[in-house]
Each structure stands twice: as C-alpha cells, then as structure tokens.
Amino acid sequence: MRKTEDYLIETADHCVKLARAGREIADELEAMSNDLMAKAVELDTTRQRDEKQPDTMRKAARK
C-alpha cells in the first residue's frame, strides 16, 4: 500500500478508538452524575427531616 492509504487507514482506526473512548468517558461521567445526584437528594432529605424535628430531638440526635 502507498503512504496515503496507510495514513488514511491509521487515521480511521484512531478515530474509532477515540470515539469508543469518548463513549466510555461519557458513560462514566453519567454514572458519576447519578451518584452525585443521589447523594444530594439523600443530604437534602436528611436536612429537611432534621429541620422538622424539635430542637430537643435534634440535640439528642447529634450526641
């Protein structure tokens, strides 16, 4: 094969590898986002529950 064909084939292979890596990174970022959102909801729920408790119960829960 000539140099041009080799270059095009190598570049095409590189593009496929980058596309696959990009999808993997996107999937990992989405999973991280889901974990962060779940933690935010958990913390918000805990905060709201604590705000509804009388002061005496909050102080006892902290001990």
PDB file of N, CA and C in Angstrom:
ATOM      1  N   MET A   1       0.834  -1.185   0.000  1.00  0.00           N
ATOM      2  CA  MET A   1       0.000   0.000   0.000  1.00  0.00           C
ATOM      3  C   MET A   1       0.878   1.249   0.000  1.00  0.00           C
ATOM      4  N   ARG A   2       0.325   2.275  -0.539  1.00  0.00           N
ATOM      5  CA  ARG A   2       1.059   3.524  -0.551  1.00  0.00           C
ATOM      6  C   ARG A   2       0.861   4.267   0.765  1.00  0.00           C
ATOM      7  N   LYS A   3       1.685   5.271   0.977  1.00  0.00           N
ATOM      8  CA  LYS A   3       1.663   6.032   2.226  1.00  0.00           C
ATOM      9  C   LYS A   3       0.306   6.679   2.497  1.00  0.00           C
ATOM     10  N   THR A   4      -0.331   7.183   1.494  1.00  0.00           N
ATOM     11  CA  THR A   4      -1.619   7.850   1.684  1.00  0.00           C
ATOM     12  C   THR A   4      -2.662   6.874   2.212  1.00  0.00           C
ATOM     13  N   GLU A   5      -2.717   5.683   1.629  1.00  0.00           N
ATOM     14  CA  GLU A   5      -3.682   4.678   2.086  1.00  0.00           C
ATOM     15  C   GLU A   5      -3.371   4.252   3.529  1.00  0.00           C
ATOM     16  N   ASP A   6      -2.094   4.050   3.836  1.00  0.00           N
ATOM     17  CA  ASP A   6      -1.707   3.686   5.203  1.00  0.00           C
ATOM     18  C   ASP A   6      -2.127   4.775   6.192  1.00  0.00           C
ATOM     19  N   TYR A   7      -1.878   6.006   5.828  1.00  0.00           N
ATOM     20  CA  TYR A   7      -2.243   7.129   6.687  1.00  0.00           C
ATOM     21  C   TYR A   7      -3.757   7.167   6.917  1.00  0.00           C
ATOM     22  N   LEU A   8      -4.523   7.004   5.859  1.00  0.00           N
ATOM     23  CA  LEU A   8      -5.981   7.048   5.985  1.00  0.00           C
ATOM     24  C   LEU A   8      -6.510   5.914   6.857  1.00  0.00           C
ATOM     25  N   ILE A   9      -5.954   4.721   6.686  1.00  0.00           N
ATOM     26  CA  ILE A   9      -6.379   3.573   7.488  1.00  0.00           C
ATOM     27  C   ILE A   9      -6.022   3.797   8.963  1.00  0.00           C
ATOM     28  N   GLU A  10      -4.812   4.256   9.226  1.00  0.00           N
ATOM     29  CA  GLU A  10      -4.386   4.515  10.603  1.00  0.00           C
ATOM     30  C   GLU A  10      -5.233   5.616  11.243  1.00  0.00           C
ATOM     31  N   THR A  11      -5.521   6.644  10.465  1.00  0.00           N
ATOM     32  CA  THR A  11      -6.342   7.743  10.978  1.00  0.00           C
ATOM     33  C   THR A  11      -7.762   7.271  11.262  1.00  0.00           C
ATOM     34  N   ALA A  12      -8.313   6.459  10.402  1.00  0.00           N
ATOM     35  CA  ALA A  12      -9.652   5.909  10.619  1.00  0.00           C
ATOM     36  C   ALA A  12      -9.683   5.047  11.875  1.00  0.00           C
ATOM     37  N   ASP A  13      -8.661   4.212  12.059  1.00  0.00           N
ATOM     38  CA  ASP A  13      -8.572   3.384  13.269  1.00  0.00           C
ATOM     39  C   ASP A  13      -8.474   4.256  14.520  1.00  0.00           C
ATOM     40  N   HIS A  14      -7.688   5.308  14.415  1.00  0.00           N
ATOM     41  CA  HIS A  14      -7.528   6.222  15.546  1.00  0.00           C
ATOM     42  C   HIS A  14      -8.863   6.897  15.883  1.00  0.00           C
ATOM     43  N   CYS A  15      -9.595   7.285  14.873  1.00  0.00           N
ATOM     44  CA  CYS A  15     -10.908   7.910  15.080  1.00  0.00           C
ATOM     45  C   CYS A  15     -11.865   6.958  15.801  1.00  0.00           C
ATOM     46  N   VAL A  16     -11.873   5.711  15.400  1.00  0.00           N
ATOM     47  CA  VAL A  16     -12.744   4.718  16.040  1.00  0.00           C
ATOM     48  C   VAL A  16     -12.357   4.544  17.506  1.00  0.00           C
ATOM     49  N   LYS A  17     -11.055   4.456  17.783  1.00  0.00           N
ATOM     50  CA  LYS A  17     -10.591   4.302  19.165  1.00  0.00           C
ATOM     51  C   LYS A  17     -10.992   5.509  20.012  1.00  0.00           C
ATOM     52  N   LEU A  18     -10.840   6.705  19.455  1.00  0.00           N
ATOM     53  CA  LEU A  18     -11.227   7.908  20.189  1.00  0.00           C
ATOM     54  C   LEU A  18     -12.737   7.960  20.430  1.00  0.00           C
ATOM     55  N   ALA A  19     -13.505   7.564  19.454  1.00  0.00           N
ATOM     56  CA  ALA A  19     -14.968   7.556  19.610  1.00  0.00           C
ATOM     57  C   ALA A  19     -15.384   6.587  20.710  1.00  0.00           C
ATOM     58  N   ARG A  20     -14.768   5.422  20.725  1.00  0.00           N
ATOM     59  CA  ARG A  20     -15.090   4.435  21.771  1.00  0.00           C
ATOM     60  C   ARG A  20     -14.675   4.946  23.147  1.00  0.00           C
ATOM     61  N   ALA A  21     -13.493   5.529  23.226  1.00  0.00           N
ATOM     62  CA  ALA A  21     -13.027   6.084  24.500  1.00  0.00           C
ATOM     63  C   ALA A  21     -13.961   7.198  24.953  1.00  0.00           C
ATOM     64  N   GLY A  22     -14.412   8.025  24.011  1.00  0.00           N
ATOM     65  CA  GLY A  22     -15.337   9.105  24.349  1.00  0.00           C
ATOM     66  C   GLY A  22     -16.650   8.584  24.902  1.00  0.00           C
ATOM     67  N   ARG A  23     -17.163   7.498  24.322  1.00  0.00           N
ATOM     68  CA  ARG A  23     -18.405   6.904  24.833  1.00  0.00           C
ATOM     69  C   ARG A  23     -18.191   6.337  26.234  1.00  0.00           C
ATOM     70  N   GLU A  24     -17.031   5.707  26.461  1.00  0.00           N
ATOM     71  CA  GLU A  24     -16.743   5.171  27.791  1.00  0.00           C
ATOM     72  C   GLU A  24     -16.651   6.295  28.821  1.00  0.00           C
ATOM     73  N   ILE A  25     -15.985   7.382  28.439  1.00  0.00           N
ATOM     74  CA  ILE A  25     -15.871   8.521  29.345  1.00  0.00           C
ATOM     75  C   ILE A  25     -17.252   9.118  29.613  1.00  0.00           C
ATOM     76  N   ALA A  26     -18.059   9.242  28.581  1.00  0.00           N
ATOM     77  CA  ALA A  26     -19.412   9.781  28.747  1.00  0.00           C
ATOM     78  C   ALA A  26     -20.230   8.900  29.687  1.00  0.00           C
ATOM     79  N   ASP A  27     -20.117   7.589  29.540  1.00  0.00           N
ATOM     80  CA  ASP A  27     -20.838   6.669  30.422  1.00  0.00           C
ATOM     81  C   ASP A  27     -20.373   6.817  31.867  1.00  0.00           C
ATOM     82  N   GLU A  28     -19.055   6.945  32.058  1.00  0.00           N
ATOM     83  CA  GLU A  28     -18.517   7.103  33.411  1.00  0.00           C
ATOM     84  C   GLU A  28     -18.965   8.425  34.024  1.00  0.00           C
ATOM     85  N   LEU A  29     -18.960   9.489  33.227  1.00  0.00           N
ATOM     86  CA  LEU A  29     -19.414  10.778  33.721  1.00  0.00           C
ATOM     87  C   LEU A  29     -20.893  10.746  34.095  1.00  0.00           C
ATOM     88  N   GLU A  30     -21.691  10.051  33.294  1.00  0.00           N
ATOM     89  CA  GLU A  30     -23.114   9.937  33.604  1.00  0.00           C
ATOM     90  C   GLU A  30     -23.330   9.165  34.904  1.00  0.00           C
ATOM     91  N   ALA A  31     -22.564   8.104  35.105  1.00  0.00           N
ATOM     92  CA  ALA A  31     -22.675   7.332  36.346  1.00  0.00           C
ATOM     93  C   ALA A  31     -22.273   8.190  37.549  1.00  0.00           C
ATOM     94  N   MET A  32     -21.205   8.961  37.391  1.00  0.00           N
ATOM     95  CA  MET A  32     -20.777   9.851  38.476  1.00  0.00           C
ATOM     96  C   MET A  32     -21.852  10.890  38.777  1.00  0.00           C
ATOM     97  N   SER A  33     -22.464  11.415  37.724  1.00  0.00           N
ATOM     98  CA  SER A  33     -23.529  12.390  37.890  1.00  0.00           C
ATOM     99  C   SER A  33     -24.699  11.790  38.662  1.00  0.00           C
ATOM    100  N   ASN A  34     -25.060  10.577  38.332  1.00  0.00           N
ATOM    101  CA  ASN A  34     -26.155   9.895  39.037  1.00  0.00           C
ATOM    102  C   ASN A  34     -25.817   9.700  40.511  1.00  0.00           C
ATOM    103  N   ASP A  35     -24.576   9.307  40.801  1.00  0.00           N
ATOM    104  CA  ASP A  35     -24.150   9.126  42.194  1.00  0.00           C
ATOM    105  C   ASP A  35     -24.204  10.444  42.964  1.00  0.00           C
ATOM    106  N   LEU A  36     -23.724  11.516  42.340  1.00  0.00           N
ATOM    107  CA  LEU A  36     -23.742  12.826  42.984  1.00  0.00           C
ATOM    108  C   LEU A  36     -25.168  13.306  43.231  1.00  0.00           C
ATOM    109  N   MET A  37     -26.048  13.082  42.269  1.00  0.00           N
ATOM    110  CA  MET A  37     -27.442  13.492  42.421  1.00  0.00           C
ATOM    111  C   MET A  37     -28.100  12.700  43.554  1.00  0.00           C
ATOM    112  N   ALA A  38     -27.831  11.415  43.621  1.00  0.00           N
ATOM    113  CA  ALA A  38     -28.394  10.587  44.693  1.00  0.00           C
ATOM    114  C   ALA A  38     -27.915  11.070  46.053  1.00  0.00           C
ATOM    115  N   LYS A  39     -26.636  11.422  46.156  1.00  0.00           N
ATOM    116  CA  LYS A  39     -26.095  11.914  47.426  1.00  0.00           C
ATOM    117  C   LYS A  39     -26.727  13.248  47.794  1.00  0.00           C
ATOM    118  N   ALA A  40     -26.925  14.121  46.803  1.00  0.00           N
ATOM    119  CA  ALA A  40     -27.561  15.413  47.064  1.00  0.00           C
ATOM    120  C   ALA A  40     -28.985  15.217  47.587  1.00  0.00           C
ATOM    121  N   VAL A  41     -29.718  14.308  46.987  1.00  0.00           N
ATOM    122  CA  VAL A  41     -31.083  14.025  47.438  1.00  0.00           C
ATOM    123  C   VAL A  41     -31.067  13.466  48.862  1.00  0.00           C
ATOM    124  N   GLU A  42     -30.129  12.569  49.127  1.00  0.00           N
ATOM    125  CA  GLU A  42     -30.003  11.985  50.468  1.00  0.00           C
ATOM    126  C   GLU A  42     -29.720  13.076  51.506  1.00  0.00           C
ATOM    127  N   LEU A  43     -28.778  13.963  51.211  1.00  0.00           N
ATOM    128  CA  LEU A  43     -28.442  15.038  52.146  1.00  0.00           C
ATOM    129  C   LEU A  43     -29.608  16.003  52.326  1.00  0.00           C
ATOM    130  N   ASP A  44     -30.305  16.328  51.250  1.00  0.00           N
ATOM    131  CA  ASP A  44     -31.442  17.228  51.327  1.00  0.00           C
ATOM    132  C   ASP A  44     -32.561  16.620  52.155  1.00  0.00           C
ATOM    133  N   THR A  45     -32.806  15.344  51.948  1.00  0.00           N
ATOM    134  CA  THR A  45     -33.844  14.650  52.714  1.00  0.00           C
ATOM    135  C   THR A  45     -33.505  14.647  54.204  1.00  0.00           C
ATOM    136  N   THR A  46     -32.249  14.365  54.519  1.00  0.00           N
ATOM    137  CA  THR A  46     -31.804  14.368  55.916  1.00  0.00           C
ATOM    138  C   THR A  46     -31.954  15.760  56.518  1.00  0.00           C
ATOM    139  N   ARG A  47     -31.551  16.795  55.775  1.00  0.00           N
ATOM    140  CA  ARG A  47     -31.657  18.171  56.262  1.00  0.00           C
ATOM    141  C   ARG A  47     -33.107  18.548  56.518  1.00  0.00           C
ATOM    142  N   GLN A  48     -33.985  18.199  55.590  1.00  0.00           N
ATOM    143  CA  GLN A  48     -35.402  18.529  55.760  1.00  0.00           C
ATOM    144  C   GLN A  48     -35.985  17.800  56.960  1.00  0.00           C
ATOM    145  N   ARG A  49     -35.612  16.547  57.136  1.00  0.00           N
ATOM    146  CA  ARG A  49     -36.113  15.781  58.282  1.00  0.00           C
ATOM    147  C   ARG A  49     -35.624  16.402  59.586  1.00  0.00           C
ATOM    148  N   ASP A  50     -34.336  16.802  59.606  1.00  0.00           N
ATOM    149  CA  ASP A  50     -33.778  17.411  60.816  1.00  0.00           C
ATOM    150  C   ASP A  50     -34.438  18.747  61.134  1.00  0.00           C
ATOM    151  N   GLU A  51     -34.789  19.506  60.095  1.00  0.00           N
ATOM    152  CA  GLU A  51     -35.435  20.803  60.317  1.00  0.00           C
ATOM    153  C   GLU A  51     -36.838  20.645  60.888  1.00  0.00           C
ATOM    154  N   LYS A  52     -37.483  19.536  60.649  1.00  0.00           N
ATOM    155  CA  LYS A  52     -38.843  19.307  61.137  1.00  0.00           C
ATOM    156  C   LYS A  52     -38.852  18.839  62.592  1.00  0.00           C
ATOM    157  N   GLN A  53     -37.709  18.312  63.066  1.00  0.00           N
ATOM    158  CA  GLN A  53     -37.643  17.814  64.444  1.00  0.00           C
ATOM    159  C   GLN A  53     -37.525  18.987  65.407  1.00  0.00           C
ATOM    160  N   PRO A  54     -38.125  18.854  66.593  1.00  0.00           N
ATOM    161  CA  PRO A  54     -37.952  19.896  67.620  1.00  0.00           C
ATOM    162  C   PRO A  54     -36.469  19.990  68.015  1.00  0.00           C
ATOM    163  N   ASP A  55     -36.066  21.138  68.553  1.00  0.00           N
ATOM    164  CA  ASP A  55     -34.676  21.361  68.940  1.00  0.00           C
ATOM    165  C   ASP A  55     -34.156  20.307  69.904  1.00  0.00           C
ATOM    166  N   THR A  56     -34.973  19.876  70.834  1.00  0.00           N
ATOM    167  CA  THR A  56     -34.510  18.889  71.813  1.00  0.00           C
ATOM    168  C   THR A  56     -34.175  17.571  71.151  1.00  0.00           C
ATOM    169  N   MET A  57     -34.955  17.189  70.146  1.00  0.00           N
ATOM    170  CA  MET A  57     -34.681  15.932  69.448  1.00  0.00           C
ATOM    171  C   MET A  57     -33.424  16.060  68.591  1.00  0.00           C
ATOM    172  N   ARG A  58     -33.202  17.234  67.985  1.00  0.00           N
ATOM    173  CA  ARG A  58     -32.002  17.435  67.163  1.00  0.00           C
ATOM    174  C   ARG A  58     -30.751  17.349  68.019  1.00  0.00           C
ATOM    175  N   LYS A  59     -30.792  17.959  69.192  1.00  0.00           N
ATOM    176  CA  LYS A  59     -29.625  17.931  70.078  1.00  0.00           C
ATOM    177  C   LYS A  59     -29.334  16.502  70.532  1.00  0.00           C
ATOM    178  N   ALA A  60     -30.370  15.738  70.814  1.00  0.00           N
ATOM    179  CA  ALA A  60     -30.193  14.357  71.240  1.00  0.00           C
ATOM    180  C   ALA A  60     -29.642  13.503  70.088  1.00  0.00           C
ATOM    181  N   ALA A  61     -30.061  13.784  68.874  1.00  0.00           N
ATOM    182  CA  ALA A  61     -29.606  13.008  67.716  1.00  0.00           C
ATOM    183  C   ALA A  61     -28.137  13.274  67.410  1.00  0.00           C
ATOM    184  N   ARG A  62     -27.652  14.456  67.729  1.00  0.00           N
ATOM    185  CA  ARG A  62     -26.258  14.795  67.456  1.00  0.00           C
ATOM    186  C   ARG A  62     -25.304  14.112  68.417  1.00  0.00           C
ATOM    187  N   LYS A  63     -25.778  13.740  69.598  1.00  0.00           N
ATOM    188  CA  LYS A  63     -24.903  13.104  70.607  1.00  0.00           C
ATOM    189  C   LYS A  63     -24.553  11.716  70.271  1.00  0.00           C
TER     190      LYS A  63
END
